Amino acid sequence: MEHSERKQAMEWALSAARKAGQLLADLATRPLEIETKKDGSSVTNADYASHKSILSDLSASGWPVISEEGVVHPMSQRKTWKRFWLVDPLDGTGSYIRMRAGYAVNIALIENDGKEWVPILGVVALPDLQQVYFGGNGLGVFKDKLVASEKPPLPIRADDEATPPYELLISWNESGTLNDLIARTVDPTQVRMRPISGARKFCLVAEGKAELHARSTGYFEWDCAAGDALFRAQGLSVRDLVTGRPLTYNGPTLRVGGLIASRVPEGR
């Protein structure tokens, strides 16, 4: 994809994430309609409203969309695509229901580079904090207010070298031990753990406000692709917890195993 095309794609994604984020912030002040999915997880009218808003805004691109609250196309169809949007319209529904900080809107653009599927840009909106993080290959990484203003967004570089003690961000329901999560990456005695909701974990590590995020159990691709795009724009990547390889996308089940996002130099 040419640089000008990538910039246009970012404008679509950022606009969609801002609008959906403001919608979620508004709906959070009203009574929610809560349902239970077949897998036992919760979904609300806010999830569906955000999904509908994002689909409408991304339709200008003409590219397919895979959303947690939408229809997942069969692999036989998906493998013929060149690129597609991967969306979680409300990441951290449990936190949203409990009015706990950290719920997010995740939008990533996934492209086939000729060998595998990778995120080339991503947007993470944090409505309760009125913040949005965005970035992509050749575009840089930025942090901005959720509601756009005349003030330019803040570039994120996190150039300072990570030094111990390292902060490891985990999910509230993480069951893995410290050794399960980082034993192959860094000395566990140099790490302290802190639970954070949703995709905000990726943003804080990308920003250099934490050094590690790890998860022992599986995510879906839409949970981590936008955060992974921020990392890749910085020359890093989110890696499989077992193999250490960068994540790949558009898998048959759209599931991801354990993962780790790290700013700690190898060998520490």
Protein backbone atom coordinates (compact mmCIF):
# COMPACT_ATOMS: atom_id res chain seq x y z
CA MET A 1 0.00 0.00 0.00
CA GLU A 2 1.34 3.41 -0.96
CA HIS A 3 2.03 5.99 1.76
CA SER A 4 -0.82 8.23 0.60
CA GLU A 5 -3.24 5.26 0.73
CA ARG A 6 -2.07 4.39 4.23
CA LYS A 7 -2.64 7.98 5.37
CA GLN A 8 -6.16 7.90 3.95
CA ALA A 9 -6.82 4.57 5.67
CA MET A 10 -5.64 6.07 8.95
CA GLU A 11 -8.02 8.99 8.53
CA TRP A 12 -10.93 6.57 8.05
CA ALA A 13 -9.94 4.46 11.05
CA LEU A 14 -9.26 7.42 13.33
CA SER A 15 -12.52 9.11 12.45
CA ALA A 16 -14.46 5.87 13.01
CA ALA A 17 -12.76 5.23 16.37
CA ARG A 18 -13.34 8.79 17.60
CA LYS A 19 -17.03 8.66 16.70
CA ALA A 20 -17.55 5.21 18.24
CA GLY A 21 -15.62 6.23 21.35
CA GLN A 22 -17.79 9.28 21.91
CA LEU A 23 -20.88 7.13 21.36
CA LEU A 24 -19.71 4.65 24.02
CA ALA A 25 -18.94 7.44 26.47
CA ASP A 26 -22.47 8.76 25.99
CA LEU A 27 -24.13 5.35 26.33
CA ALA A 28 -22.15 4.66 29.51
CA THR A 29 -24.32 7.28 31.27
CA ARG A 30 -27.53 5.42 30.42
CA PRO A 31 -29.04 2.08 31.51
CA LEU A 32 -27.50 -0.79 29.55
CA GLU A 33 -29.19 -3.71 27.85
CA ILE A 34 -27.03 -6.75 28.65
CA GLU A 35 -27.16 -10.14 26.95
CA THR A 36 -25.11 -13.32 27.30
CA LYS A 37 -23.43 -14.82 24.25
CA LYS A 38 -23.19 -18.52 23.53
CA ASP A 39 -19.64 -18.55 24.91
CA GLY A 40 -20.84 -17.09 28.21
CA SER A 41 -19.41 -13.60 27.68
CA SER A 42 -21.52 -10.46 27.96
CA VAL A 43 -22.57 -8.14 25.17
CA THR A 44 -24.52 -4.89 25.44
CA ASN A 45 -26.50 -2.53 23.28
CA ALA A 46 -23.40 -0.31 23.38
CA ASP A 47 -21.31 -3.05 21.71
CA TYR A 48 -23.84 -3.24 18.90
CA ALA A 49 -24.20 0.53 18.55
CA SER A 50 -20.43 0.97 18.29
CA HIS A 51 -20.21 -1.89 15.77
CA LYS A 52 -22.88 -0.31 13.58
CA SER A 53 -21.23 3.11 13.72
CA ILE A 54 -17.79 1.76 12.79
CA LEU A 55 -19.10 -0.33 9.91
CA SER A 56 -20.84 2.72 8.49
CA ASP A 57 -17.71 4.88 8.76
CA LEU A 58 -15.35 2.27 7.30
CA SER A 59 -17.62 1.50 4.36
CA ALA A 60 -15.98 4.35 2.40
CA SER A 61 -12.86 2.20 2.04
CA GLY A 62 -14.67 -0.62 0.26
CA TRP A 63 -12.59 -3.16 2.20
CA PRO A 64 -14.13 -6.05 4.15
CA VAL A 65 -14.61 -5.74 7.90
CA ILE A 66 -14.31 -8.45 10.54
CA SER A 67 -15.85 -7.32 13.81
CA GLU A 68 -16.39 -9.16 17.07
CA GLU A 69 -20.08 -8.27 16.85
CA GLY A 70 -20.44 -8.99 13.14
CA VAL A 71 -20.52 -11.97 10.82
CA VAL A 72 -17.17 -13.73 10.48
CA HIS A 73 -16.62 -14.73 6.87
CA PRO A 74 -15.46 -18.30 6.14
CA MET A 75 -11.73 -18.85 5.72
CA SER A 76 -12.25 -19.88 2.10
CA GLN A 77 -13.42 -16.32 1.42
CA ARG A 78 -11.04 -14.48 3.75
CA LYS A 79 -7.92 -16.00 2.26
CA THR A 80 -8.70 -14.36 -1.09
CA TRP A 81 -8.71 -10.85 0.40
CA LYS A 82 -5.75 -8.50 0.07
CA ARG A 83 -6.59 -6.46 3.16
CA PHE A 84 -9.39 -6.06 5.67
CA TRP A 85 -10.40 -4.14 8.78
CA LEU A 86 -10.29 -5.99 12.10
CA VAL A 87 -12.52 -4.40 14.73
CA ASP A 88 -13.43 -4.77 18.37
CA PRO A 89 -16.19 -2.19 18.81
CA LEU A 90 -16.05 -2.45 22.61
CA ASP A 91 -12.96 -4.10 24.06
CA GLY A 92 -13.45 -4.73 27.77
CA THR A 93 -17.22 -5.09 27.89
CA GLY A 94 -16.98 -6.40 31.46
CA SER A 95 -15.17 -3.26 32.54
CA TYR A 96 -17.69 -1.12 30.67
CA ILE A 97 -20.58 -2.79 32.52
CA ARG A 98 -18.80 -2.31 35.87
CA MET A 99 -17.84 1.27 34.95
CA ARG A 100 -14.18 0.36 35.39
CA ALA A 101 -11.53 2.31 33.50
CA GLY A 102 -9.84 0.93 30.41
CA TYR A 103 -12.54 -0.13 27.94
CA ALA A 104 -11.58 0.63 24.35
CA VAL A 105 -12.39 0.73 20.66
CA ASN A 106 -9.90 -1.24 18.55
CA ILE A 107 -9.55 -0.81 14.79
CA ALA A 108 -6.70 -2.34 12.79
CA LEU A 109 -6.02 -2.68 9.09
CA ILE A 110 -4.66 -6.11 8.23
CA GLU A 111 -2.81 -6.70 4.97
CA ASN A 112 -1.25 -9.70 3.24
CA ASP A 113 2.43 -8.93 2.67
CA GLY A 114 2.79 -11.86 0.27
CA LYS A 115 3.68 -14.34 2.99
CA GLU A 116 1.42 -13.68 5.95
CA TRP A 117 -1.22 -11.36 7.32
CA VAL A 118 0.05 -8.45 9.45
CA PRO A 119 -1.43 -5.26 10.99
CA ILE A 120 -0.16 -2.20 9.10
CA LEU A 121 -2.01 0.44 11.13
CA GLY A 122 -4.09 0.59 14.26
CA VAL A 123 -6.22 2.87 16.41
CA VAL A 124 -7.07 2.36 20.09
CA ALA A 125 -9.62 4.80 21.51
CA LEU A 126 -10.08 5.00 25.29
CA PRO A 127 -13.40 6.82 25.75
CA ASP A 128 -13.44 6.96 29.55
CA LEU A 129 -10.01 8.65 29.49
CA GLN A 130 -10.88 10.78 26.44
CA GLN A 131 -7.71 9.56 24.70
CA VAL A 132 -6.85 7.92 21.41
CA TYR A 133 -3.63 6.23 20.31
CA PHE A 134 -2.91 5.61 16.65
CA GLY A 135 -0.04 4.60 14.40
CA GLY A 136 1.12 2.60 11.44
CA ASN A 137 4.05 1.60 9.30
CA GLY A 138 5.69 4.75 7.94
CA LEU A 139 3.21 6.97 9.79
CA GLY A 140 4.62 7.03 13.33
CA VAL A 141 2.70 6.59 16.59
CA PHE A 142 0.68 9.32 18.28
CA LYS A 143 -1.50 10.08 21.28
CA ASP A 144 -4.32 12.61 21.11
CA LYS A 145 -7.54 13.71 22.75
CA LEU A 146 -10.55 11.64 21.75
CA VAL A 147 -12.29 14.77 20.49
CA ALA A 148 -10.08 16.28 17.81
CA SER A 149 -8.82 19.82 18.37
CA GLU A 150 -6.50 22.27 16.65
CA LYS A 151 -3.65 21.13 18.90
CA PRO A 152 -1.44 18.59 17.09
CA PRO A 153 -1.28 15.03 18.44
CA LEU A 154 1.66 14.06 20.64
CA PRO A 155 4.24 11.80 18.92
CA ILE A 156 5.11 8.69 20.93
CA ARG A 157 8.67 7.46 20.75
CA ALA A 158 9.45 6.03 24.22
CA ASP A 159 13.16 6.29 23.45
CA ASP A 160 14.34 5.81 27.03
CA GLU A 161 15.88 2.39 27.63
CA ALA A 162 13.78 0.15 29.88
CA THR A 163 15.38 -0.37 33.29
CA PRO A 164 14.24 -2.45 36.28
CA PRO A 165 12.01 -2.73 38.14
CA TYR A 166 9.84 -3.59 35.14
CA GLU A 167 6.07 -3.21 35.24
CA LEU A 168 4.07 -6.07 33.74
CA LEU A 169 0.48 -5.24 32.79
CA ILE A 170 -1.96 -8.15 32.98
CA SER A 171 -5.70 -8.69 32.55
CA TRP A 172 -7.94 -8.69 35.61
CA ASN A 173 -8.74 -12.35 35.01
CA GLU A 174 -5.16 -13.48 34.29
CA SER A 175 -4.56 -16.91 35.85
CA GLY A 176 -0.92 -17.39 34.84
CA THR A 177 1.91 -16.96 37.30
CA LEU A 178 4.76 -14.52 36.85
CA ASN A 179 6.96 -17.37 35.65
CA ASP A 180 4.28 -18.43 33.13
CA LEU A 181 4.23 -14.95 31.67
CA ILE A 182 7.81 -13.70 31.47
CA ALA A 183 10.27 -16.38 32.61
CA ARG A 184 11.89 -16.59 29.16
CA THR A 185 12.00 -12.82 28.72
CA VAL A 186 13.34 -11.23 31.89
CA ASP A 187 14.34 -12.05 35.46
CA PRO A 188 11.03 -12.43 37.38
CA THR A 189 12.56 -10.87 40.49
CA GLN A 190 12.80 -7.58 38.56
CA VAL A 191 9.09 -7.49 37.66
CA ARG A 192 5.96 -6.24 39.38
CA MET A 193 2.47 -7.01 38.03
CA ARG A 194 -0.48 -4.64 37.69
CA PRO A 195 -3.96 -5.41 36.26
CA ILE A 196 -5.34 -3.06 33.59
CA SER A 197 -8.45 -3.43 31.46
CA GLY A 198 -8.53 -3.90 27.72
CA ALA A 199 -6.21 -2.62 25.01
CA ARG A 200 -4.95 0.20 27.20
CA LYS A 201 -2.20 -2.24 28.23
CA PHE A 202 -0.70 -2.15 24.73
CA CYS A 203 -0.89 1.66 24.68
CA LEU A 204 0.94 2.09 27.97
CA VAL A 205 3.74 -0.24 26.89
CA ALA A 206 4.00 1.47 23.50
CA GLU A 207 4.17 4.81 25.31
CA GLY A 208 6.92 3.59 27.62
CA LYS A 209 4.79 3.95 30.77
CA ALA A 210 5.11 0.19 31.37
CA GLU A 211 7.62 -2.30 30.05
CA LEU A 212 5.64 -5.51 29.52
CA HIS A 213 2.19 -6.87 28.78
CA ALA A 214 1.64 -10.61 28.73
CA ARG A 215 -1.28 -12.99 28.66
CA SER A 216 -1.15 -16.75 29.23
CA THR A 217 -4.53 -17.58 27.72
CA GLY A 218 -5.91 -16.76 24.32
CA TYR A 219 -7.14 -13.52 22.87
CA PHE A 220 -9.07 -13.07 19.67
CA GLU A 221 -7.23 -11.28 16.91
CA TRP A 222 -9.42 -8.18 17.25
CA ASP A 223 -8.25 -7.85 20.88
CA CYS A 224 -4.59 -7.32 20.03
CA ALA A 225 -4.20 -6.31 16.35
CA ALA A 226 -4.53 -2.54 16.89
CA GLY A 227 -2.04 -2.60 19.76
CA ASP A 228 0.30 -4.77 17.71
CA ALA A 229 0.15 -2.19 14.90
CA LEU A 230 1.37 0.49 17.33
CA PHE A 231 4.29 -1.75 18.29
CA ARG A 232 5.21 -2.55 14.69
CA ALA A 233 5.23 1.14 13.84
CA GLN A 234 7.92 1.47 16.54
CA GLY A 235 9.98 -1.39 15.13
CA LEU A 236 8.73 -3.84 17.76
CA SER A 237 5.98 -6.46 17.66
CA VAL A 238 3.66 -8.49 19.84
CA ARG A 239 4.97 -12.05 20.04
CA ASP A 240 3.68 -15.50 20.74
CA LEU A 241 4.42 -16.34 24.37
CA VAL A 242 5.74 -19.83 23.55
CA THR A 243 7.52 -19.48 20.20
CA GLY A 244 8.65 -15.87 20.52
CA ARG A 245 7.59 -15.23 16.93
CA PRO A 246 5.62 -12.12 15.89
CA LEU A 247 1.89 -12.75 15.74
CA THR A 248 0.21 -13.44 12.43
CA TYR A 249 -3.43 -12.78 11.61
CA ASN A 250 -6.44 -14.02 9.62
CA GLY A 251 -6.12 -17.49 11.09
CA PRO A 252 -8.86 -20.12 10.66
CA THR A 253 -10.39 -19.45 14.10
CA LEU A 254 -9.19 -15.84 14.55
CA ARG A 255 -7.81 -16.93 17.93
CA VAL A 256 -4.42 -16.01 19.35
CA GLY A 257 -2.60 -18.03 22.01
CA GLY A 258 -0.58 -16.55 24.85
CA LEU A 259 1.33 -13.41 23.89
CA ILE A 260 3.85 -10.90 25.16
CA ALA A 261 4.52 -7.27 24.27
CA SER A 262 7.84 -6.08 25.62
CA ARG A 263 10.12 -3.05 25.59
CA VAL A 264 12.79 -4.87 27.62
CA PRO A 265 15.96 -5.61 25.64
CA GLU A 266 16.57 -9.33 25.20
CA GLY A 267 18.87 -10.93 27.71
CA ARG A 268 17.82 -8.73 30.63
